[in-house]
């Protein structure tokens, strides 16, 4: 899709070598065949989530998908569905981040003084960490949103990433924002809109399993309605050992490893 014109498909021939990824192929095209080709990329290691694309009918990360794995001489690459297209292979991820903000994706604390000026740590055990760790691996690539059949028919639906991340913070023992998030989520376009198709979890390149997070979020909301609270213990506040505490001085940066000229 090029600006104001009608979408069209362009064909390119790319030499294939062992280990060549879709992103490598796009870079080859831009450097050797069509300098106007537009796509988004950054880390090239499946961490940043920038290069989400629709590859041979499935949403994938271009840097994480090798050409040989597709077992096809013809590979069709398109922008992620369920998003507006900016140009070529660049989706407008604005809707993803707008909905992400609505779930307040950060830790709430009622003790504001301690929150703003911490004097101790909030210890978590292994089980408490594992309750939300899987959902913290989300890289905001938008692939789960592009795979979701509910998002395809209802743009107002919060979507898998926002709902799974809402549960990530609710499940965190350091967080006290359950009521604030539930007020925003417990609506027709919240988790109850999810049909549990599981397409988001099948497509997720990081194994986050947002479908599971959404079901656990439903369980948490029902527990709140029944007056059961968060259904989990609070974090234990741990005071530092004697003689150890926050420095009254502002910490200084370590010395540079490379001298500037």
C-alpha atoms as a PDB file:
ATOM      1  CA  UNK A   1       0.000   0.000   0.000  1.00  0.00           C
ATOM      2  CA  UNK A   2       1.664   3.217  -1.154  1.00  0.00           C
ATOM      3  CA  UNK A   3       0.271   6.398   0.365  1.00  0.00           C
ATOM      4  CA  UNK A   4      -3.002   7.528  -1.214  1.00  0.00           C
ATOM      5  CA  UNK A   5      -3.042   4.992  -4.030  1.00  0.00           C
ATOM      6  CA  UNK A   6      -4.697   1.597  -4.230  1.00  0.00           C
ATOM      7  CA  UNK A   7      -2.928  -1.398  -2.639  1.00  0.00           C
ATOM      8  CA  UNK A   8      -0.958  -3.591  -5.036  1.00  0.00           C
ATOM      9  CA  UNK A   9       1.408  -6.550  -4.865  1.00  0.00           C
ATOM     10  CA  UNK A  10       5.015  -6.172  -6.035  1.00  0.00           C
ATOM     11  CA  UNK A  11       7.172  -9.188  -6.904  1.00  0.00           C
ATOM     12  CA  UNK A  12      10.906  -9.509  -6.207  1.00  0.00           C
ATOM     13  CA  UNK A  13      13.415 -12.316  -6.635  1.00  0.00           C
ATOM     14  CA  UNK A  14      15.781 -12.756  -3.708  1.00  0.00           C
ATOM     15  CA  UNK A  15      18.740 -15.171  -3.562  1.00  0.00           C
ATOM     16  CA  UNK A  16      18.241 -17.600  -0.682  1.00  0.00           C
ATOM     17  CA  UNK A  17      21.041 -18.786   1.567  1.00  0.00           C
ATOM     18  CA  UNK A  18      20.871 -21.009   4.626  1.00  0.00           C
ATOM     19  CA  UNK A  19      19.510 -19.112   7.627  1.00  0.00           C
ATOM     20  CA  UNK A  20      18.081 -16.246   5.554  1.00  0.00           C
ATOM     21  CA  UNK A  21      15.152 -14.649   7.393  1.00  0.00           C
ATOM     22  CA  UNK A  22      12.226 -12.766   5.913  1.00  0.00           C
ATOM     23  CA  UNK A  23      13.715  -9.592   7.344  1.00  0.00           C
ATOM     24  CA  UNK A  24      17.045 -10.358   5.653  1.00  0.00           C
ATOM     25  CA  UNK A  25      15.151 -10.726   2.381  1.00  0.00           C
ATOM     26  CA  UNK A  26      13.416  -7.383   2.832  1.00  0.00           C
ATOM     27  CA  UNK A  27      16.726  -5.703   3.588  1.00  0.00           C
ATOM     28  CA  UNK A  28      18.147  -7.220   0.385  1.00  0.00           C
ATOM     29  CA  UNK A  29      15.200  -5.866  -1.604  1.00  0.00           C
ATOM     30  CA  UNK A  30      15.567  -2.379  -0.141  1.00  0.00           C
ATOM     31  CA  UNK A  31      19.329  -2.269  -0.711  1.00  0.00           C
ATOM     32  CA  UNK A  32      19.389  -3.820  -4.186  1.00  0.00           C
ATOM     33  CA  UNK A  33      15.964  -3.810  -5.869  1.00  0.00           C
ATOM     34  CA  UNK A  34      13.575  -1.192  -4.471  1.00  0.00           C
ATOM     35  CA  UNK A  35      14.807   1.533  -2.157  1.00  0.00           C
ATOM     36  CA  UNK A  36      11.275   2.791  -1.575  1.00  0.00           C
ATOM     37  CA  UNK A  37      10.119  -0.401   0.164  1.00  0.00           C
ATOM     38  CA  UNK A  38       9.001   0.503   3.702  1.00  0.00           C
ATOM     39  CA  UNK A  39       8.957  -1.763   6.745  1.00  0.00           C
ATOM     40  CA  UNK A  40       9.717  -1.465  10.447  1.00  0.00           C
ATOM     41  CA  UNK A  41      12.638  -3.162  12.210  1.00  0.00           C
ATOM     42  CA  UNK A  42      15.067  -2.631  15.060  1.00  0.00           C
ATOM     43  CA  UNK A  43      16.742  -5.394  17.093  1.00  0.00           C
ATOM     44  CA  UNK A  44      16.692  -8.236  14.521  1.00  0.00           C
ATOM     45  CA  UNK A  45      16.613 -10.702  17.446  1.00  0.00           C
ATOM     46  CA  UNK A  46      12.903 -11.241  18.170  1.00  0.00           C
ATOM     47  CA  UNK A  47      12.974  -8.894  21.162  1.00  0.00           C
ATOM     48  CA  UNK A  48      11.679  -5.473  20.063  1.00  0.00           C
ATOM     49  CA  UNK A  49       8.559  -6.644  18.187  1.00  0.00           C
ATOM     50  CA  UNK A  50       8.967  -4.054  15.438  1.00  0.00           C
ATOM     51  CA  UNK A  51       8.899  -6.389  12.436  1.00  0.00           C
ATOM     52  CA  UNK A  52       5.530  -8.079  12.893  1.00  0.00           C
ATOM     53  CA  UNK A  53       4.093  -8.923   9.459  1.00  0.00           C
ATOM     54  CA  UNK A  54       1.581 -11.204   7.747  1.00  0.00           C
ATOM     55  CA  UNK A  55       3.786 -13.883   6.205  1.00  0.00           C
ATOM     56  CA  UNK A  56       2.224 -16.622   4.065  1.00  0.00           C
ATOM     57  CA  UNK A  57      -1.140 -16.134   5.729  1.00  0.00           C
ATOM     58  CA  UNK A  58       0.033 -15.994   9.345  1.00  0.00           C
ATOM     59  CA  UNK A  59       1.191 -13.122  11.582  1.00  0.00           C
ATOM     60  CA  UNK A  60       4.872 -13.606  12.444  1.00  0.00           C
ATOM     61  CA  UNK A  61       8.055 -11.729  13.285  1.00  0.00           C
ATOM     62  CA  UNK A  62      10.062 -11.252  10.084  1.00  0.00           C
ATOM     63  CA  UNK A  63      13.381 -11.505  11.929  1.00  0.00           C
ATOM     64  CA  UNK A  64      12.320 -14.761  13.582  1.00  0.00           C
ATOM     65  CA  UNK A  65      11.027 -16.491  10.449  1.00  0.00           C
ATOM     66  CA  UNK A  66      13.521 -18.218   8.179  1.00  0.00           C
ATOM     67  CA  UNK A  67      12.730 -18.602   4.490  1.00  0.00           C
ATOM     68  CA  UNK A  68      13.611 -22.313   4.483  1.00  0.00           C
ATOM     69  CA  UNK A  69      11.115 -22.985   7.294  1.00  0.00           C
ATOM     70  CA  UNK A  70       8.231 -21.848   5.089  1.00  0.00           C
ATOM     71  CA  UNK A  71       9.002 -24.578   2.542  1.00  0.00           C
ATOM     72  CA  UNK A  72       7.782 -22.474  -0.363  1.00  0.00           C
ATOM     73  CA  UNK A  73       9.427 -20.786  -3.325  1.00  0.00           C
ATOM     74  CA  UNK A  74       6.788 -18.060  -3.278  1.00  0.00           C
ATOM     75  CA  UNK A  75       6.484 -16.073  -0.075  1.00  0.00           C
ATOM     76  CA  UNK A  76       3.773 -13.456   0.316  1.00  0.00           C
ATOM     77  CA  UNK A  77       4.398 -10.705   2.866  1.00  0.00           C
ATOM     78  CA  UNK A  78       1.706  -8.200   3.844  1.00  0.00           C
ATOM     79  CA  UNK A  79       1.074  -5.720   6.674  1.00  0.00           C
ATOM     80  CA  UNK A  80      -0.549  -7.043   9.854  1.00  0.00           C
ATOM     81  CA  UNK A  81      -4.351  -7.291   9.579  1.00  0.00           C
ATOM     82  CA  UNK A  82      -6.669  -5.634  12.125  1.00  0.00           C
ATOM     83  CA  UNK A  83      -4.502  -2.486  12.003  1.00  0.00           C
ATOM     84  CA  UNK A  84      -4.577   0.555   9.725  1.00  0.00           C
ATOM     85  CA  UNK A  85      -1.660   0.519   7.271  1.00  0.00           C
ATOM     86  CA  UNK A  86       0.739   3.439   7.183  1.00  0.00           C
ATOM     87  CA  UNK A  87       2.659   2.312   4.111  1.00  0.00           C
ATOM     88  CA  UNK A  88       3.763  -1.003   2.597  1.00  0.00           C
ATOM     89  CA  UNK A  89       4.503  -3.327   5.542  1.00  0.00           C
ATOM     90  CA  UNK A  90       4.183  -0.733   8.313  1.00  0.00           C
ATOM     91  CA  UNK A  91       1.042  -1.057  10.474  1.00  0.00           C
ATOM     92  CA  UNK A  92      -0.275   1.759  12.628  1.00  0.00           C
ATOM     93  CA  UNK A  93       0.094   0.307  16.146  1.00  0.00           C
ATOM     94  CA  UNK A  94      -1.682   3.279  17.717  1.00  0.00           C
ATOM     95  CA  UNK A  95      -4.804   1.258  18.654  1.00  0.00           C
ATOM     96  CA  UNK A  96      -2.633  -1.287  20.492  1.00  0.00           C
ATOM     97  CA  UNK A  97      -0.922   1.316  22.659  1.00  0.00           C
ATOM     98  CA  UNK A  98      -4.119   3.316  23.238  1.00  0.00           C
ATOM     99  CA  UNK A  99      -5.836   0.257  24.704  1.00  0.00           C
ATOM    100  CA  UNK A 100      -2.683  -0.699  26.577  1.00  0.00           C
ATOM    101  CA  UNK A 101      -2.730   2.662  28.377  1.00  0.00           C
ATOM    102  CA  UNK A 102      -6.353   2.125  29.449  1.00  0.00           C
ATOM    103  CA  UNK A 103      -5.382  -0.801  31.709  1.00  0.00           C
ATOM    104  CA  UNK A 104      -2.793   1.302  33.616  1.00  0.00           C
ATOM    105  CA  UNK A 105       0.217  -0.956  32.839  1.00  0.00           C
ATOM    106  CA  UNK A 106       2.271  -0.121  35.912  1.00  0.00           C
ATOM    107  CA  UNK A 107       2.293  -0.942  39.612  1.00  0.00           C
ATOM    108  CA  UNK A 108      -0.127   0.940  41.865  1.00  0.00           C
ATOM    109  CA  UNK A 109       0.718   1.551  45.522  1.00  0.00           C
ATOM    110  CA  UNK A 110      -1.374   3.283  48.169  1.00  0.00           C
ATOM    111  CA  UNK A 111       1.650   4.192  50.293  1.00  0.00           C
ATOM    112  CA  UNK A 112       2.710   7.053  48.027  1.00  0.00           C
ATOM    113  CA  UNK A 113       5.539   8.284  50.189  1.00  0.00           C
ATOM    114  CA  UNK A 114       7.233   4.888  50.178  1.00  0.00           C
ATOM    115  CA  UNK A 115       6.435   4.509  46.486  1.00  0.00           C
ATOM    116  CA  UNK A 116       8.033   7.822  45.542  1.00  0.00           C
ATOM    117  CA  UNK A 117      10.928   7.571  48.007  1.00  0.00           C
ATOM    118  CA  UNK A 118      11.577   3.859  48.637  1.00  0.00           C
ATOM    119  CA  UNK A 119      13.515   2.858  51.729  1.00  0.00           C
ATOM    120  CA  UNK A 120      13.131  -0.912  51.397  1.00  0.00           C
ATOM    121  CA  UNK A 121      12.250  -3.618  48.914  1.00  0.00           C
ATOM    122  CA  UNK A 122       9.108  -5.660  48.386  1.00  0.00           C
ATOM    123  CA  UNK A 123      10.221  -9.248  48.447  1.00  0.00           C
ATOM    124  CA  UNK A 124       8.570 -11.838  46.204  1.00  0.00           C
ATOM    125  CA  UNK A 125       8.859 -15.585  46.447  1.00  0.00           C
ATOM    126  CA  UNK A 126       9.305 -17.894  43.470  1.00  0.00           C
ATOM    127  CA  UNK A 127       5.606 -18.756  43.282  1.00  0.00           C
ATOM    128  CA  UNK A 128       4.622 -15.093  43.455  1.00  0.00           C
ATOM    129  CA  UNK A 129       7.003 -14.300  40.593  1.00  0.00           C
ATOM    130  CA  UNK A 130       5.796 -17.207  38.475  1.00  0.00           C
ATOM    131  CA  UNK A 131       2.192 -15.996  38.823  1.00  0.00           C
ATOM    132  CA  UNK A 132       2.858 -13.159  36.389  1.00  0.00           C
ATOM    133  CA  UNK A 133       6.306 -13.784  34.855  1.00  0.00           C
ATOM    134  CA  UNK A 134       5.026 -15.446  31.685  1.00  0.00           C
ATOM    135  CA  UNK A 135       2.794 -12.475  30.885  1.00  0.00           C
ATOM    136  CA  UNK A 136       5.634  -9.998  31.408  1.00  0.00           C
ATOM    137  CA  UNK A 137       7.382 -11.342  28.285  1.00  0.00           C
ATOM    138  CA  UNK A 138       5.004  -9.422  25.982  1.00  0.00           C
ATOM    139  CA  UNK A 139       6.970  -7.308  23.465  1.00  0.00           C
ATOM    140  CA  UNK A 140       3.972  -5.311  22.121  1.00  0.00           C
ATOM    141  CA  UNK A 141       4.463  -6.580  18.566  1.00  0.00           C
ATOM    142  CA  UNK A 142       0.719  -6.598  17.817  1.00  0.00           C
ATOM    143  CA  UNK A 143       0.779 -10.136  16.399  1.00  0.00           C
ATOM    144  CA  UNK A 144      -1.840 -11.428  18.847  1.00  0.00           C
ATOM    145  CA  UNK A 145      -4.148  -8.536  17.938  1.00  0.00           C
ATOM    146  CA  UNK A 146      -3.780  -9.290  14.241  1.00  0.00           C
ATOM    147  CA  UNK A 147      -4.644 -12.956  14.880  1.00  0.00           C
ATOM    148  CA  UNK A 148      -7.682 -12.284  17.087  1.00  0.00           C
ATOM    149  CA  UNK A 149     -11.028 -12.979  15.333  1.00  0.00           C
ATOM    150  CA  UNK A 150     -12.897 -10.816  17.856  1.00  0.00           C
ATOM    151  CA  UNK A 151     -10.733  -7.768  17.105  1.00  0.00           C
ATOM    152  CA  UNK A 152     -11.438  -8.348  13.405  1.00  0.00           C
ATOM    153  CA  UNK A 153     -15.164  -7.796  14.017  1.00  0.00           C
ATOM    154  CA  UNK A 154     -15.124  -5.393  16.965  1.00  0.00           C
ATOM    155  CA  UNK A 155     -12.593  -2.549  17.016  1.00  0.00           C
ATOM    156  CA  UNK A 156     -13.709  -1.493  20.509  1.00  0.00           C
ATOM    157  CA  UNK A 157     -12.626  -4.808  22.072  1.00  0.00           C
ATOM    158  CA  UNK A 158      -9.649  -4.278  24.377  1.00  0.00           C
ATOM    159  CA  UNK A 159      -7.781  -7.140  22.727  1.00  0.00           C
ATOM    160  CA  UNK A 160      -5.364  -9.813  23.975  1.00  0.00           C
ATOM    161  CA  UNK A 161      -2.278  -7.685  24.787  1.00  0.00           C
ATOM    162  CA  UNK A 162      -4.078  -5.114  26.939  1.00  0.00           C
ATOM    163  CA  UNK A 163      -6.129  -7.709  28.819  1.00  0.00           C
ATOM    164  CA  UNK A 164      -3.199 -10.056  29.405  1.00  0.00           C
ATOM    165  CA  UNK A 165      -1.073  -7.170  30.651  1.00  0.00           C
ATOM    166  CA  UNK A 166      -3.888  -6.061  32.952  1.00  0.00           C
ATOM    167  CA  UNK A 167      -3.743  -9.497  34.554  1.00  0.00           C
ATOM    168  CA  UNK A 168       0.069  -9.332  34.663  1.00  0.00           C
ATOM    169  CA  UNK A 169      -0.109  -6.347  37.027  1.00  0.00           C
ATOM    170  CA  UNK A 170      -3.136  -7.566  38.967  1.00  0.00           C
ATOM    171  CA  UNK A 171      -1.301 -10.844  39.662  1.00  0.00           C
ATOM    172  CA  UNK A 172       1.778  -8.978  40.897  1.00  0.00           C
ATOM    173  CA  UNK A 173       1.827  -9.073  44.713  1.00  0.00           C
ATOM    174  CA  UNK A 174       3.332  -5.575  44.787  1.00  0.00           C
ATOM    175  CA  UNK A 175       0.316  -4.075  43.038  1.00  0.00           C
ATOM    176  CA  UNK A 176      -2.762  -2.561  44.696  1.00  0.00           C
ATOM    177  CA  UNK A 177      -4.590  -1.346  41.589  1.00  0.00           C
ATOM    178  CA  UNK A 178      -7.156  -4.128  41.207  1.00  0.00           C
ATOM    179  CA  UNK A 179     -10.220  -1.926  41.712  1.00  0.00           C
ATOM    180  CA  UNK A 180      -8.929   0.777  39.361  1.00  0.00           C
ATOM    181  CA  UNK A 181      -8.287  -1.686  36.534  1.00  0.00           C
ATOM    182  CA  UNK A 182     -11.478  -3.657  36.997  1.00  0.00           C
ATOM    183  CA  UNK A 183     -13.529  -0.459  36.761  1.00  0.00           C
ATOM    184  CA  UNK A 184     -12.013   0.110  33.313  1.00  0.00           C
ATOM    185  CA  UNK A 185     -12.145  -3.521  32.159  1.00  0.00           C
ATOM    186  CA  UNK A 186     -15.397  -4.961  33.491  1.00  0.00           C
ATOM    187  CA  UNK A 187     -17.456  -3.906  30.499  1.00  0.00           C
ATOM    188  CA  UNK A 188     -18.948  -5.278  27.305  1.00  0.00           C
ATOM    189  CA  UNK A 189     -15.687  -4.677  25.441  1.00  0.00           C
ATOM    190  CA  UNK A 190     -13.496  -6.141  28.182  1.00  0.00           C
ATOM    191  CA  UNK A 191     -12.546  -9.788  28.834  1.00  0.00           C
ATOM    192  CA  UNK A 192     -16.135 -10.998  28.493  1.00  0.00           C
ATOM    193  CA  UNK A 193     -15.970 -10.200  24.778  1.00  0.00           C
ATOM    194  CA  UNK A 194     -13.230 -12.816  24.319  1.00  0.00           C
ATOM    195  CA  UNK A 195     -14.567 -15.986  22.677  1.00  0.00           C
ATOM    196  CA  UNK A 196     -11.512 -17.987  23.757  1.00  0.00           C
ATOM    197  CA  UNK A 197     -10.539 -18.895  20.203  1.00  0.00           C
ATOM    198  CA  UNK A 198      -6.914 -19.108  21.353  1.00  0.00           C
ATOM    199  CA  UNK A 199      -5.557 -17.662  18.102  1.00  0.00           C
ATOM    200  CA  UNK A 200      -3.620 -15.019  20.053  1.00  0.00           C
ATOM    201  CA  UNK A 201      -1.703 -17.631  22.044  1.00  0.00           C
ATOM    202  CA  UNK A 202      -1.026 -19.742  18.966  1.00  0.00           C
ATOM    203  CA  UNK A 203       0.457 -16.737  17.161  1.00  0.00           C
ATOM    204  CA  UNK A 204       2.465 -15.205  20.023  1.00  0.00           C
ATOM    205  CA  UNK A 205       6.205 -15.431  19.191  1.00  0.00           C
ATOM    206  CA  UNK A 206       7.209 -15.185  22.879  1.00  0.00           C
ATOM    207  CA  UNK A 207       4.923 -17.810  24.409  1.00  0.00           C
ATOM    208  CA  UNK A 208       3.016 -15.282  26.510  1.00  0.00           C
ATOM    209  CA  UNK A 209      -0.320 -17.141  26.170  1.00  0.00           C
ATOM    210  CA  UNK A 210      -2.603 -14.076  26.365  1.00  0.00           C
ATOM    211  CA  UNK A 211      -5.684 -16.322  26.090  1.00  0.00           C
ATOM    212  CA  UNK A 212      -4.777 -17.817  29.459  1.00  0.00           C
ATOM    213  CA  UNK A 213      -4.253 -14.349  30.930  1.00  0.00           C
ATOM    214  CA  UNK A 214      -7.723 -13.288  29.781  1.00  0.00           C
ATOM    215  CA  UNK A 215      -9.376 -16.324  31.401  1.00  0.00           C
ATOM    216  CA  UNK A 216      -7.497 -15.691  34.653  1.00  0.00           C
ATOM    217  CA  UNK A 217      -8.605 -12.063  34.458  1.00  0.00           C
ATOM    218  CA  UNK A 218     -12.227 -13.209  34.208  1.00  0.00           C
ATOM    219  CA  UNK A 219     -11.695 -15.389  37.283  1.00  0.00           C
ATOM    220  CA  UNK A 220     -10.222 -12.438  39.181  1.00  0.00           C
ATOM    221  CA  UNK A 221     -13.121 -10.133  38.288  1.00  0.00           C
ATOM    222  CA  UNK A 222     -15.673 -12.749  39.375  1.00  0.00           C
ATOM    223  CA  UNK A 223     -13.741 -13.218  42.628  1.00  0.00           C
ATOM    224  CA  UNK A 224     -13.933  -9.476  43.232  1.00  0.00           C
ATOM    225  CA  UNK A 225     -17.691  -9.503  42.623  1.00  0.00           C
ATOM    226  CA  UNK A 226     -17.994 -12.246  45.236  1.00  0.00           C
ATOM    227  CA  UNK A 227     -15.876 -10.265  47.668  1.00  0.00           C
ATOM    228  CA  UNK A 228     -12.880 -12.588  47.495  1.00  0.00           C
ATOM    229  CA  UNK A 229     -10.379  -9.809  46.728  1.00  0.00           C
ATOM    230  CA  UNK A 230      -7.272 -10.608  44.701  1.00  0.00           C
ATOM    231  CA  UNK A 231      -7.217 -14.306  45.653  1.00  0.00           C
ATOM    232  CA  UNK A 232      -3.509 -14.019  46.456  1.00  0.00           C
ATOM    233  CA  UNK A 233      -1.262 -12.764  49.290  1.00  0.00           C
ATOM    234  CA  UNK A 234       0.212  -9.290  49.463  1.00  0.00           C
ATOM    235  CA  UNK A 235       3.904  -8.685  48.966  1.00  0.00           C
ATOM    236  CA  UNK A 236       6.072  -8.849  52.064  1.00  0.00           C
ATOM    237  CA  UNK A 237       7.772  -5.573  52.920  1.00  0.00           C
ATOM    238  CA  UNK A 238      11.367  -6.252  53.862  1.00  0.00           C
ATOM    239  CA  UNK A 239      13.496  -3.742  55.741  1.00  0.00           C
ATOM    240  CA  UNK A 240      17.168  -3.560  54.744  1.00  0.00           C
ATOM    241  CA  UNK A 241      19.809  -5.088  57.032  1.00  0.00           C
ATOM    242  CA  UNK A 242      21.208  -2.895  59.804  1.00  0.00           C
ATOM    243  CA  UNK A 243      23.535  -0.271  58.453  1.00  0.00           C
ATOM    244  CA  UNK A 244      22.260  -0.658  54.906  1.00  0.00           C
ATOM    245  CA  UNK A 245      19.854   1.839  53.450  1.00  0.00           C
ATOM    246  CA  UNK A 246      19.320   4.439  50.780  1.00  0.00           C
ATOM    247  CA  UNK A 247      22.141   6.893  50.403  1.00  0.00           C
ATOM    248  CA  UNK A 248      21.294  10.516  51.196  1.00  0.00           C
ATOM    249  CA  UNK A 249      23.339  11.479  48.145  1.00  0.00           C
ATOM    250  CA  UNK A 250      22.254  11.078  44.552  1.00  0.00           C
ATOM    251  CA  UNK A 251      24.026   7.980  43.121  1.00  0.00           C
ATOM    252  CA  UNK A 252      26.758   8.765  40.631  1.00  0.00           C
ATOM    253  CA  UNK A 253      27.129   7.039  37.277  1.00  0.00           C
ATOM    254  CA  UNK A 254      30.051   4.611  36.929  1.00  0.00           C
ATOM    255  CA  UNK A 255      33.150   5.891  35.170  1.00  0.00           C
ATOM    256  CA  UNK A 256      33.017   5.600  31.336  1.00  0.00           C
ATOM    257  CA  UNK A 257      34.712   2.563  29.855  1.00  0.00           C
ATOM    258  CA  UNK A 258      35.710   4.481  26.732  1.00  0.00           C
ATOM    259  CA  UNK A 259      37.198   7.943  26.892  1.00  0.00           C
ATOM    260  CA  UNK A 260      35.605  10.540  24.647  1.00  0.00           C
ATOM    261  CA  UNK A 261      37.889  12.476  22.358  1.00  0.00           C
END
